[in-house]
């Protein structure tokens, strides 16, 4: 940290940031003072000191209130992030006081969450009951970014074929295979396997545009020089199945995910005969050796057990 950065950190205190956010959100110093149970003159003094510390006006003071300047808008964004981070810190530390001995932040894609993580995380929780797992669902590119930026300790995703992972380390986690899901009376339903060029003749029900399956379908359609008739896009596997069951198209899903969801309709699944139908899920981290102890334990369990 440079000297000027250290000086700035000393000059800007958390109470002033909290008051600044309150003024911006409530639209006036008086209203913020009443909410925070502090004299309006004290709020005004702190805000003046804050403006002196940053070297630029942060608020436009008006007869009926106050609004942030462009610099104030920037500070408001960062101040909210700082205060939110402090709230999370307080929450996590209070869990340690209550007996929790570890906290792992994990991001995973929908395929991993539906197919594998319930059993794997359940087994881990039974063995390590004092470790809390904070799991969020995201698309694979966002997972790579979150782990690279430190927003997550671990991620489970489909890595891009060009392997642009921002310098992250990866370990094999699980694999799945894509199947073509159709209504049971559909022309493709009785086939032993189906090529993707045959799928392109039909309307397709798919997951959101940034999902790894949608990206793979678009790339394959472009390579074949054929349009992708993806008429409906939804955000969950059960919604894909229900749409297909009601005759709105066909779709691609991971095999185990379909097996878990097939009771949602009268559906059939046919293996997709394409090299890219076999997909590898990877566990990613910045550096597995320097993870916190709780995250290291989870990473070892997720990657060391025999996978079916």
C-alpha atoms as a PDB file:
ATOM      1  CA  UNK A   1       0.000   0.000   0.000  1.00  0.00           C
ATOM      2  CA  UNK A   2       1.364   3.423  -0.958  1.00  0.00           C
ATOM      3  CA  UNK A   3       1.781   6.157   1.659  1.00  0.00           C
ATOM      4  CA  UNK A   4      -1.114   8.197   0.212  1.00  0.00           C
ATOM      5  CA  UNK A   5      -3.364   5.134   0.368  1.00  0.00           C
ATOM      6  CA  UNK A   6      -2.472   4.567   4.022  1.00  0.00           C
ATOM      7  CA  UNK A   7      -3.259   8.226   4.801  1.00  0.00           C
ATOM      8  CA  UNK A   8      -6.626   7.984   3.034  1.00  0.00           C
ATOM      9  CA  UNK A   9      -7.540   4.860   4.996  1.00  0.00           C
ATOM     10  CA  UNK A  10      -6.832   6.731   8.251  1.00  0.00           C
ATOM     11  CA  UNK A  11      -8.833   9.795   7.233  1.00  0.00           C
ATOM     12  CA  UNK A  12     -11.993   7.957   6.129  1.00  0.00           C
ATOM     13  CA  UNK A  13     -13.794   6.349   9.060  1.00  0.00           C
ATOM     14  CA  UNK A  14     -16.666   3.876   8.862  1.00  0.00           C
ATOM     15  CA  UNK A  15     -19.123   6.087  10.746  1.00  0.00           C
ATOM     16  CA  UNK A  16     -18.682   8.848   8.178  1.00  0.00           C
ATOM     17  CA  UNK A  17     -19.226   6.370   5.342  1.00  0.00           C
ATOM     18  CA  UNK A  18     -22.386   5.077   7.017  1.00  0.00           C
ATOM     19  CA  UNK A  19     -23.701   8.633   7.458  1.00  0.00           C
ATOM     20  CA  UNK A  20     -22.839   9.496   3.843  1.00  0.00           C
ATOM     21  CA  UNK A  21     -24.818   6.476   2.596  1.00  0.00           C
ATOM     22  CA  UNK A  22     -27.755   7.429   4.822  1.00  0.00           C
ATOM     23  CA  UNK A  23     -27.784  11.007   3.487  1.00  0.00           C
ATOM     24  CA  UNK A  24     -27.727   9.769  -0.118  1.00  0.00           C
ATOM     25  CA  UNK A  25     -30.470   7.200   0.447  1.00  0.00           C
ATOM     26  CA  UNK A  26     -32.740   9.505   2.472  1.00  0.00           C
ATOM     27  CA  UNK A  27     -32.058  12.639   0.419  1.00  0.00           C
ATOM     28  CA  UNK A  28     -31.095  14.975   3.229  1.00  0.00           C
ATOM     29  CA  UNK A  29     -28.818  15.578   6.197  1.00  0.00           C
ATOM     30  CA  UNK A  30     -31.693  16.197   8.612  1.00  0.00           C
ATOM     31  CA  UNK A  31     -33.460  12.956   7.727  1.00  0.00           C
ATOM     32  CA  UNK A  32     -30.201  10.996   8.033  1.00  0.00           C
ATOM     33  CA  UNK A  33     -29.479  12.615  11.400  1.00  0.00           C
ATOM     34  CA  UNK A  34     -32.878  11.581  12.751  1.00  0.00           C
ATOM     35  CA  UNK A  35     -32.458   8.021  11.500  1.00  0.00           C
ATOM     36  CA  UNK A  36     -28.977   7.684  12.996  1.00  0.00           C
ATOM     37  CA  UNK A  37     -29.824   9.527  16.258  1.00  0.00           C
ATOM     38  CA  UNK A  38     -27.107  12.138  15.830  1.00  0.00           C
ATOM     39  CA  UNK A  39     -27.198  15.934  15.605  1.00  0.00           C
ATOM     40  CA  UNK A  40     -27.515  17.336  12.089  1.00  0.00           C
ATOM     41  CA  UNK A  41     -24.530  19.612  12.736  1.00  0.00           C
ATOM     42  CA  UNK A  42     -22.398  16.565  13.599  1.00  0.00           C
ATOM     43  CA  UNK A  43     -23.475  14.823  10.380  1.00  0.00           C
ATOM     44  CA  UNK A  44     -22.642  17.962   8.368  1.00  0.00           C
ATOM     45  CA  UNK A  45     -19.213  18.213  10.002  1.00  0.00           C
ATOM     46  CA  UNK A  46     -18.374  14.582   9.264  1.00  0.00           C
ATOM     47  CA  UNK A  47     -19.434  14.986   5.634  1.00  0.00           C
ATOM     48  CA  UNK A  48     -17.312  18.109   5.269  1.00  0.00           C
ATOM     49  CA  UNK A  49     -14.333  16.219   6.686  1.00  0.00           C
ATOM     50  CA  UNK A  50     -15.041  13.371   4.253  1.00  0.00           C
ATOM     51  CA  UNK A  51     -15.057  15.784   1.317  1.00  0.00           C
ATOM     52  CA  UNK A  52     -11.778  17.256   2.544  1.00  0.00           C
ATOM     53  CA  UNK A  53     -10.266  13.771   2.741  1.00  0.00           C
ATOM     54  CA  UNK A  54     -11.206  12.868  -0.841  1.00  0.00           C
ATOM     55  CA  UNK A  55     -10.454  16.353  -2.156  1.00  0.00           C
ATOM     56  CA  UNK A  56     -13.695  16.889  -4.059  1.00  0.00           C
ATOM     57  CA  UNK A  57     -17.361  17.747  -3.342  1.00  0.00           C
ATOM     58  CA  UNK A  58     -19.477  14.666  -2.679  1.00  0.00           C
ATOM     59  CA  UNK A  59     -22.893  16.229  -2.131  1.00  0.00           C
ATOM     60  CA  UNK A  60     -24.952  18.915  -3.795  1.00  0.00           C
ATOM     61  CA  UNK A  61     -26.609  20.652  -0.871  1.00  0.00           C
ATOM     62  CA  UNK A  62     -30.016  22.089  -1.702  1.00  0.00           C
ATOM     63  CA  UNK A  63     -32.690  23.921   0.214  1.00  0.00           C
ATOM     64  CA  UNK A  64     -34.798  20.753   0.378  1.00  0.00           C
ATOM     65  CA  UNK A  65     -32.125  18.134   0.775  1.00  0.00           C
ATOM     66  CA  UNK A  66     -28.911  16.798  -0.696  1.00  0.00           C
ATOM     67  CA  UNK A  67     -27.922  14.602  -3.636  1.00  0.00           C
ATOM     68  CA  UNK A  68     -24.585  12.987  -4.537  1.00  0.00           C
ATOM     69  CA  UNK A  69     -22.297  14.577  -7.101  1.00  0.00           C
ATOM     70  CA  UNK A  70     -20.710  12.289  -9.752  1.00  0.00           C
ATOM     71  CA  UNK A  71     -17.820  11.722  -7.318  1.00  0.00           C
ATOM     72  CA  UNK A  72     -20.382  11.074  -4.592  1.00  0.00           C
ATOM     73  CA  UNK A  73     -22.096   8.438  -6.744  1.00  0.00           C
ATOM     74  CA  UNK A  74     -18.761   6.643  -7.077  1.00  0.00           C
ATOM     75  CA  UNK A  75     -18.125   6.834  -3.331  1.00  0.00           C
ATOM     76  CA  UNK A  76     -21.678   5.651  -2.619  1.00  0.00           C
ATOM     77  CA  UNK A  77     -21.058   2.502  -4.683  1.00  0.00           C
ATOM     78  CA  UNK A  78     -17.816   1.717  -2.849  1.00  0.00           C
ATOM     79  CA  UNK A  79     -19.188   2.662   0.576  1.00  0.00           C
ATOM     80  CA  UNK A  80     -22.114   0.273   0.186  1.00  0.00           C
ATOM     81  CA  UNK A  81     -19.709  -2.498  -0.770  1.00  0.00           C
ATOM     82  CA  UNK A  82     -17.514  -1.781   2.281  1.00  0.00           C
ATOM     83  CA  UNK A  83     -20.480  -1.727   4.677  1.00  0.00           C
ATOM     84  CA  UNK A  84     -21.952  -4.885   3.157  1.00  0.00           C
ATOM     85  CA  UNK A  85     -18.590  -6.611   3.545  1.00  0.00           C
ATOM     86  CA  UNK A  86     -18.478  -5.586   7.197  1.00  0.00           C
ATOM     87  CA  UNK A  87     -21.968  -7.005   7.766  1.00  0.00           C
ATOM     88  CA  UNK A  88     -20.885 -10.306   6.243  1.00  0.00           C
ATOM     89  CA  UNK A  89     -17.743 -10.270   8.353  1.00  0.00           C
ATOM     90  CA  UNK A  90     -19.788  -9.706  11.490  1.00  0.00           C
ATOM     91  CA  UNK A  91     -22.158 -12.509  10.546  1.00  0.00           C
ATOM     92  CA  UNK A  92     -19.354 -14.967   9.889  1.00  0.00           C
ATOM     93  CA  UNK A  93     -17.469 -14.067  13.079  1.00  0.00           C
ATOM     94  CA  UNK A  94     -20.634 -14.422  15.157  1.00  0.00           C
ATOM     95  CA  UNK A  95     -21.013 -17.930  13.739  1.00  0.00           C
ATOM     96  CA  UNK A  96     -17.531 -18.773  15.027  1.00  0.00           C
ATOM     97  CA  UNK A  97     -18.602 -17.536  18.469  1.00  0.00           C
ATOM     98  CA  UNK A  98     -21.622 -19.835  18.272  1.00  0.00           C
ATOM     99  CA  UNK A  99     -19.482 -22.885  17.509  1.00  0.00           C
ATOM    100  CA  UNK A 100     -18.940 -22.816  13.743  1.00  0.00           C
ATOM    101  CA  UNK A 101     -15.290 -23.619  13.040  1.00  0.00           C
ATOM    102  CA  UNK A 102     -15.065 -22.838   9.359  1.00  0.00           C
ATOM    103  CA  UNK A 103     -16.800 -21.098   6.467  1.00  0.00           C
ATOM    104  CA  UNK A 104     -16.447 -22.036   2.792  1.00  0.00           C
ATOM    105  CA  UNK A 105     -17.767 -19.807   0.013  1.00  0.00           C
ATOM    106  CA  UNK A 106     -18.576 -21.884  -3.064  1.00  0.00           C
ATOM    107  CA  UNK A 107     -20.063 -21.032  -6.450  1.00  0.00           C
ATOM    108  CA  UNK A 108     -21.303 -23.811  -8.735  1.00  0.00           C
ATOM    109  CA  UNK A 109     -23.225 -24.124 -11.966  1.00  0.00           C
ATOM    110  CA  UNK A 110     -26.705 -25.583 -12.273  1.00  0.00           C
ATOM    111  CA  UNK A 111     -25.527 -28.969 -13.566  1.00  0.00           C
ATOM    112  CA  UNK A 112     -23.324 -29.562 -10.521  1.00  0.00           C
ATOM    113  CA  UNK A 113     -25.964 -28.346  -8.081  1.00  0.00           C
ATOM    114  CA  UNK A 114     -28.716 -30.543  -9.491  1.00  0.00           C
ATOM    115  CA  UNK A 115     -26.719 -33.687 -10.236  1.00  0.00           C
ATOM    116  CA  UNK A 116     -23.966 -34.094  -7.664  1.00  0.00           C
ATOM    117  CA  UNK A 117     -23.612 -31.508  -4.920  1.00  0.00           C
ATOM    118  CA  UNK A 118     -26.629 -32.418  -2.748  1.00  0.00           C
ATOM    119  CA  UNK A 119     -25.129 -35.837  -1.964  1.00  0.00           C
ATOM    120  CA  UNK A 120     -21.521 -34.651  -1.819  1.00  0.00           C
ATOM    121  CA  UNK A 121     -22.200 -31.647   0.407  1.00  0.00           C
ATOM    122  CA  UNK A 122     -24.558 -33.680   2.566  1.00  0.00           C
ATOM    123  CA  UNK A 123     -21.829 -36.248   3.198  1.00  0.00           C
ATOM    124  CA  UNK A 124     -19.347 -33.478   3.998  1.00  0.00           C
ATOM    125  CA  UNK A 125     -21.755 -31.758   6.391  1.00  0.00           C
ATOM    126  CA  UNK A 126     -22.336 -34.994   8.300  1.00  0.00           C
ATOM    127  CA  UNK A 127     -18.580 -35.392   8.800  1.00  0.00           C
ATOM    128  CA  UNK A 128     -17.769 -31.717   9.410  1.00  0.00           C
ATOM    129  CA  UNK A 129     -20.853 -30.307  11.092  1.00  0.00           C
ATOM    130  CA  UNK A 130     -19.009 -27.212  12.342  1.00  0.00           C
ATOM    131  CA  UNK A 131     -18.091 -25.986   8.853  1.00  0.00           C
ATOM    132  CA  UNK A 132     -20.663 -23.782   7.138  1.00  0.00           C
ATOM    133  CA  UNK A 133     -20.925 -23.864   3.336  1.00  0.00           C
ATOM    134  CA  UNK A 134     -22.230 -20.784   1.541  1.00  0.00           C
ATOM    135  CA  UNK A 135     -23.273 -22.086  -1.915  1.00  0.00           C
ATOM    136  CA  UNK A 136     -24.469 -19.880  -4.776  1.00  0.00           C
ATOM    137  CA  UNK A 137     -25.531 -20.861  -8.292  1.00  0.00           C
ATOM    138  CA  UNK A 138     -23.865 -18.999 -11.165  1.00  0.00           C
ATOM    139  CA  UNK A 139     -22.952 -19.545 -14.806  1.00  0.00           C
ATOM    140  CA  UNK A 140     -19.534 -21.066 -15.456  1.00  0.00           C
ATOM    141  CA  UNK A 141     -17.817 -17.852 -16.711  1.00  0.00           C
ATOM    142  CA  UNK A 142     -19.064 -15.955 -13.653  1.00  0.00           C
ATOM    143  CA  UNK A 143     -17.772 -18.727 -11.380  1.00  0.00           C
ATOM    144  CA  UNK A 144     -14.268 -18.481 -12.851  1.00  0.00           C
ATOM    145  CA  UNK A 145     -14.354 -14.702 -12.373  1.00  0.00           C
ATOM    146  CA  UNK A 146     -15.634 -14.942  -8.780  1.00  0.00           C
ATOM    147  CA  UNK A 147     -12.882 -17.355  -7.752  1.00  0.00           C
ATOM    148  CA  UNK A 148     -10.217 -15.272  -9.515  1.00  0.00           C
ATOM    149  CA  UNK A 149     -11.410 -12.126  -7.713  1.00  0.00           C
ATOM    150  CA  UNK A 150     -11.623 -13.838  -4.317  1.00  0.00           C
ATOM    151  CA  UNK A 151     -15.428 -13.645  -4.041  1.00  0.00           C
ATOM    152  CA  UNK A 152     -15.530 -17.451  -3.729  1.00  0.00           C
ATOM    153  CA  UNK A 153     -13.037 -19.915  -2.250  1.00  0.00           C
ATOM    154  CA  UNK A 154     -14.045 -22.754  -4.577  1.00  0.00           C
ATOM    155  CA  UNK A 155     -15.960 -23.072  -7.814  1.00  0.00           C
ATOM    156  CA  UNK A 156     -17.422 -25.971  -9.770  1.00  0.00           C
ATOM    157  CA  UNK A 157     -17.994 -25.337 -13.454  1.00  0.00           C
ATOM    158  CA  UNK A 158     -17.410 -26.402 -17.036  1.00  0.00           C
ATOM    159  CA  UNK A 159     -14.070 -24.877 -17.973  1.00  0.00           C
ATOM    160  CA  UNK A 160     -13.806 -23.303 -21.432  1.00  0.00           C
ATOM    161  CA  UNK A 161     -12.036 -25.402 -24.052  1.00  0.00           C
ATOM    162  CA  UNK A 162      -9.427 -22.658 -24.521  1.00  0.00           C
ATOM    163  CA  UNK A 163      -8.768 -22.973 -20.757  1.00  0.00           C
ATOM    164  CA  UNK A 164      -8.775 -19.240 -20.024  1.00  0.00           C
ATOM    165  CA  UNK A 165      -9.113 -19.519 -16.268  1.00  0.00           C
ATOM    166  CA  UNK A 166      -7.338 -16.351 -15.117  1.00  0.00           C
ATOM    167  CA  UNK A 167      -4.460 -18.378 -13.698  1.00  0.00           C
ATOM    168  CA  UNK A 168      -6.681 -20.569 -11.515  1.00  0.00           C
ATOM    169  CA  UNK A 169      -5.853 -24.128 -10.523  1.00  0.00           C
ATOM    170  CA  UNK A 170      -8.330 -26.873 -11.370  1.00  0.00           C
ATOM    171  CA  UNK A 171      -9.009 -30.477 -10.421  1.00  0.00           C
ATOM    172  CA  UNK A 172     -11.425 -32.977 -12.011  1.00  0.00           C
ATOM    173  CA  UNK A 173     -14.728 -33.205 -10.148  1.00  0.00           C
ATOM    174  CA  UNK A 174     -17.376 -35.162 -12.102  1.00  0.00           C
ATOM    175  CA  UNK A 175     -18.458 -35.801 -15.667  1.00  0.00           C
ATOM    176  CA  UNK A 176     -21.828 -36.026 -17.355  1.00  0.00           C
ATOM    177  CA  UNK A 177     -23.218 -36.672 -20.818  1.00  0.00           C
ATOM    178  CA  UNK A 178     -25.799 -34.682 -22.723  1.00  0.00           C
ATOM    179  CA  UNK A 179     -28.977 -36.368 -23.868  1.00  0.00           C
ATOM    180  CA  UNK A 180     -31.692 -35.170 -26.216  1.00  0.00           C
ATOM    181  CA  UNK A 181     -34.949 -34.869 -24.276  1.00  0.00           C
ATOM    182  CA  UNK A 182     -38.182 -35.251 -26.244  1.00  0.00           C
ATOM    183  CA  UNK A 183     -41.830 -36.103 -25.659  1.00  0.00           C
ATOM    184  CA  UNK A 184     -42.165 -39.887 -25.666  1.00  0.00           C
ATOM    185  CA  UNK A 185     -44.100 -39.883 -28.964  1.00  0.00           C
ATOM    186  CA  UNK A 186     -41.606 -37.614 -30.749  1.00  0.00           C
ATOM    187  CA  UNK A 187     -39.928 -38.887 -33.969  1.00  0.00           C
ATOM    188  CA  UNK A 188     -36.493 -38.855 -32.282  1.00  0.00           C
ATOM    189  CA  UNK A 189     -37.625 -40.705 -29.155  1.00  0.00           C
ATOM    190  CA  UNK A 190     -37.075 -44.224 -30.526  1.00  0.00           C
ATOM    191  CA  UNK A 191     -33.560 -43.589 -31.825  1.00  0.00           C
ATOM    192  CA  UNK A 192     -30.511 -45.209 -30.231  1.00  0.00           C
ATOM    193  CA  UNK A 193     -28.502 -41.988 -30.626  1.00  0.00           C
ATOM    194  CA  UNK A 194     -29.094 -38.608 -32.255  1.00  0.00           C
ATOM    195  CA  UNK A 195     -26.702 -36.241 -34.042  1.00  0.00           C
ATOM    196  CA  UNK A 196     -27.040 -32.564 -33.256  1.00  0.00           C
ATOM    197  CA  UNK A 197     -27.726 -31.688 -36.906  1.00  0.00           C
ATOM    198  CA  UNK A 198     -30.944 -33.721 -36.539  1.00  0.00           C
ATOM    199  CA  UNK A 199     -31.895 -31.755 -33.430  1.00  0.00           C
ATOM    200  CA  UNK A 200     -31.564 -28.522 -35.403  1.00  0.00           C
ATOM    201  CA  UNK A 201     -34.655 -29.446 -37.418  1.00  0.00           C
ATOM    202  CA  UNK A 202     -36.835 -28.826 -34.341  1.00  0.00           C
ATOM    203  CA  UNK A 203     -37.647 -25.976 -31.988  1.00  0.00           C
ATOM    204  CA  UNK A 204     -35.368 -26.120 -28.944  1.00  0.00           C
ATOM    205  CA  UNK A 205     -36.190 -25.438 -25.312  1.00  0.00           C
ATOM    206  CA  UNK A 206     -32.995 -24.368 -23.585  1.00  0.00           C
ATOM    207  CA  UNK A 207     -31.454 -22.911 -20.478  1.00  0.00           C
ATOM    208  CA  UNK A 208     -30.422 -19.244 -20.342  1.00  0.00           C
ATOM    209  CA  UNK A 209     -28.141 -17.951 -23.068  1.00  0.00           C
ATOM    210  CA  UNK A 210     -24.969 -17.928 -20.959  1.00  0.00           C
ATOM    211  CA  UNK A 211     -25.223 -21.551 -19.823  1.00  0.00           C
ATOM    212  CA  UNK A 212     -22.551 -23.967 -21.009  1.00  0.00           C
ATOM    213  CA  UNK A 213     -25.153 -26.069 -22.865  1.00  0.00           C
ATOM    214  CA  UNK A 214     -26.506 -23.048 -24.751  1.00  0.00           C
ATOM    215  CA  UNK A 215     -23.005 -21.921 -25.651  1.00  0.00           C
ATOM    216  CA  UNK A 216     -22.122 -25.408 -26.932  1.00  0.00           C
ATOM    217  CA  UNK A 217     -25.318 -25.575 -29.005  1.00  0.00           C
ATOM    218  CA  UNK A 218     -24.692 -22.182 -30.590  1.00  0.00           C
ATOM    219  CA  UNK A 219     -21.127 -23.131 -31.475  1.00  0.00           C
ATOM    220  CA  UNK A 220     -22.235 -26.466 -32.991  1.00  0.00           C
ATOM    221  CA  UNK A 221     -25.028 -24.816 -34.981  1.00  0.00           C
ATOM    222  CA  UNK A 222     -22.615 -22.195 -36.323  1.00  0.00           C
ATOM    223  CA  UNK A 223     -20.140 -24.909 -37.317  1.00  0.00           C
ATOM    224  CA  UNK A 224     -22.925 -26.757 -39.155  1.00  0.00           C
ATOM    225  CA  UNK A 225     -24.041 -23.531 -40.857  1.00  0.00           C
ATOM    226  CA  UNK A 226     -27.584 -24.039 -39.565  1.00  0.00           C
ATOM    227  CA  UNK A 227     -29.880 -21.764 -37.534  1.00  0.00           C
ATOM    228  CA  UNK A 228     -30.520 -22.612 -33.883  1.00  0.00           C
ATOM    229  CA  UNK A 229     -34.267 -22.473 -33.280  1.00  0.00           C
ATOM    230  CA  UNK A 230     -34.027 -21.866 -29.543  1.00  0.00           C
ATOM    231  CA  UNK A 231     -37.527 -20.446 -29.095  1.00  0.00           C
ATOM    232  CA  UNK A 232     -37.790 -20.774 -25.334  1.00  0.00           C
ATOM    233  CA  UNK A 233     -35.129 -20.151 -22.701  1.00  0.00           C
ATOM    234  CA  UNK A 234     -35.726 -20.819 -19.004  1.00  0.00           C
ATOM    235  CA  UNK A 235     -33.562 -20.856 -15.890  1.00  0.00           C
ATOM    236  CA  UNK A 236     -34.206 -24.305 -14.421  1.00  0.00           C
ATOM    237  CA  UNK A 237     -34.037 -27.922 -15.548  1.00  0.00           C
ATOM    238  CA  UNK A 238     -37.529 -28.732 -14.293  1.00  0.00           C
ATOM    239  CA  UNK A 239     -38.918 -25.871 -16.410  1.00  0.00           C
ATOM    240  CA  UNK A 240     -37.127 -27.275 -19.482  1.00  0.00           C
ATOM    241  CA  UNK A 241     -38.773 -30.663 -18.890  1.00  0.00           C
ATOM    242  CA  UNK A 242     -42.254 -29.211 -18.420  1.00  0.00           C
ATOM    243  CA  UNK A 243     -41.968 -27.126 -21.599  1.00  0.00           C
ATOM    244  CA  UNK A 244     -40.846 -30.149 -23.612  1.00  0.00           C
ATOM    245  CA  UNK A 245     -43.606 -32.308 -22.119  1.00  0.00           C
ATOM    246  CA  UNK A 246     -46.146 -29.776 -23.386  1.00  0.00           C
ATOM    247  CA  UNK A 247     -44.923 -30.003 -26.970  1.00  0.00           C
ATOM    248  CA  UNK A 248     -42.923 -26.774 -27.143  1.00  0.00           C
ATOM    249  CA  UNK A 249     -39.775 -28.371 -28.534  1.00  0.00           C
ATOM    250  CA  UNK A 250     -36.887 -30.662 -27.666  1.00  0.00           C
ATOM    251  CA  UNK A 251     -33.868 -29.933 -25.484  1.00  0.00           C
ATOM    252  CA  UNK A 252     -30.427 -30.992 -24.308  1.00  0.00           C
ATOM    253  CA  UNK A 253     -29.873 -31.852 -20.661  1.00  0.00           C
ATOM    254  CA  UNK A 254     -27.210 -33.693 -18.644  1.00  0.00           C
ATOM    255  CA  UNK A 255     -28.122 -37.366 -18.297  1.00  0.00           C
ATOM    256  CA  UNK A 256     -28.275 -37.540 -14.499  1.00  0.00           C
ATOM    257  CA  UNK A 257     -30.233 -34.299 -14.261  1.00  0.00           C
ATOM    258  CA  UNK A 258     -32.832 -35.751 -16.636  1.00  0.00           C
ATOM    259  CA  UNK A 259     -32.999 -38.968 -14.610  1.00  0.00           C
ATOM    260  CA  UNK A 260     -33.826 -36.901 -11.534  1.00  0.00           C
ATOM    261  CA  UNK A 261     -36.463 -34.832 -13.371  1.00  0.00           C
ATOM    262  CA  UNK A 262     -38.094 -37.256 -15.805  1.00  0.00           C
ATOM    263  CA  UNK A 263     -41.121 -37.765 -13.553  1.00  0.00           C
ATOM    264  CA  UNK A 264     -42.176 -34.223 -14.481  1.00  0.00           C
ATOM    265  CA  UNK A 265     -43.636 -35.493 -17.755  1.00  0.00           C
ATOM    266  CA  UNK A 266     -43.962 -38.270 -20.311  1.00  0.00           C
ATOM    267  CA  UNK A 267     -40.488 -37.831 -21.693  1.00  0.00           C
ATOM    268  CA  UNK A 268     -37.722 -39.783 -23.404  1.00  0.00           C
ATOM    269  CA  UNK A 269     -33.950 -39.227 -23.419  1.00  0.00           C
ATOM    270  CA  UNK A 270     -31.686 -40.248 -26.301  1.00  0.00           C
ATOM    271  CA  UNK A 271     -27.862 -40.001 -26.068  1.00  0.00           C
ATOM    272  CA  UNK A 272     -26.434 -37.138 -28.106  1.00  0.00           C
ATOM    273  CA  UNK A 273     -23.847 -38.541 -30.545  1.00  0.00           C
ATOM    274  CA  UNK A 274     -21.328 -35.693 -30.507  1.00  0.00           C
ATOM    275  CA  UNK A 275     -17.786 -35.419 -29.083  1.00  0.00           C
ATOM    276  CA  UNK A 276     -18.844 -32.400 -27.019  1.00  0.00           C
ATOM    277  CA  UNK A 277     -21.734 -34.298 -25.428  1.00  0.00           C
ATOM    278  CA  UNK A 278     -19.306 -35.673 -22.828  1.00  0.00           C
ATOM    279  CA  UNK A 279     -18.601 -32.847 -20.383  1.00  0.00           C
ATOM    280  CA  UNK A 280     -16.157 -32.500 -17.526  1.00  0.00           C
ATOM    281  CA  UNK A 281     -16.977 -30.560 -14.392  1.00  0.00           C
ATOM    282  CA  UNK A 282     -13.928 -29.072 -12.664  1.00  0.00           C
ATOM    283  CA  UNK A 283     -13.260 -27.813  -9.170  1.00  0.00           C
ATOM    284  CA  UNK A 284     -11.355 -24.511  -9.353  1.00  0.00           C
ATOM    285  CA  UNK A 285      -9.474 -22.412  -6.810  1.00  0.00           C
ATOM    286  CA  UNK A 286      -6.870 -19.699  -6.842  1.00  0.00           C
ATOM    287  CA  UNK A 287      -4.392 -22.000  -5.113  1.00  0.00           C
ATOM    288  CA  UNK A 288      -5.509 -25.234  -3.458  1.00  0.00           C
ATOM    289  CA  UNK A 289      -2.467 -25.283  -1.150  1.00  0.00           C
ATOM    290  CA  UNK A 290      -3.189 -21.854   0.351  1.00  0.00           C
ATOM    291  CA  UNK A 291      -6.933 -22.297   0.880  1.00  0.00           C
ATOM    292  CA  UNK A 292      -8.280 -21.927   4.420  1.00  0.00           C
ATOM    293  CA  UNK A 293      -8.293 -25.248   6.253  1.00  0.00           C
ATOM    294  CA  UNK A 294     -12.077 -25.673   5.954  1.00  0.00           C
ATOM    295  CA  UNK A 295     -12.029 -25.056   2.187  1.00  0.00           C
ATOM    296  CA  UNK A 296      -9.082 -27.449   1.785  1.00  0.00           C
ATOM    297  CA  UNK A 297     -11.032 -30.185   3.592  1.00  0.00           C
ATOM    298  CA  UNK A 298     -14.008 -29.694   1.284  1.00  0.00           C
ATOM    299  CA  UNK A 299     -11.836 -29.622  -1.850  1.00  0.00           C
ATOM    300  CA  UNK A 300     -10.128 -32.868  -0.838  1.00  0.00           C
ATOM    301  CA  UNK A 301     -13.435 -34.634  -0.201  1.00  0.00           C
ATOM    302  CA  UNK A 302     -14.972 -33.445  -3.468  1.00  0.00           C
ATOM    303  CA  UNK A 303     -12.042 -34.629  -5.565  1.00  0.00           C
ATOM    304  CA  UNK A 304     -10.661 -37.656  -3.739  1.00  0.00           C
ATOM    305  CA  UNK A 305     -13.701 -39.915  -3.445  1.00  0.00           C
ATOM    306  CA  UNK A 306     -14.472 -42.437  -6.181  1.00  0.00           C
ATOM    307  CA  UNK A 307     -17.030 -40.835  -8.521  1.00  0.00           C
ATOM    308  CA  UNK A 308     -19.768 -42.875 -10.098  1.00  0.00           C
END
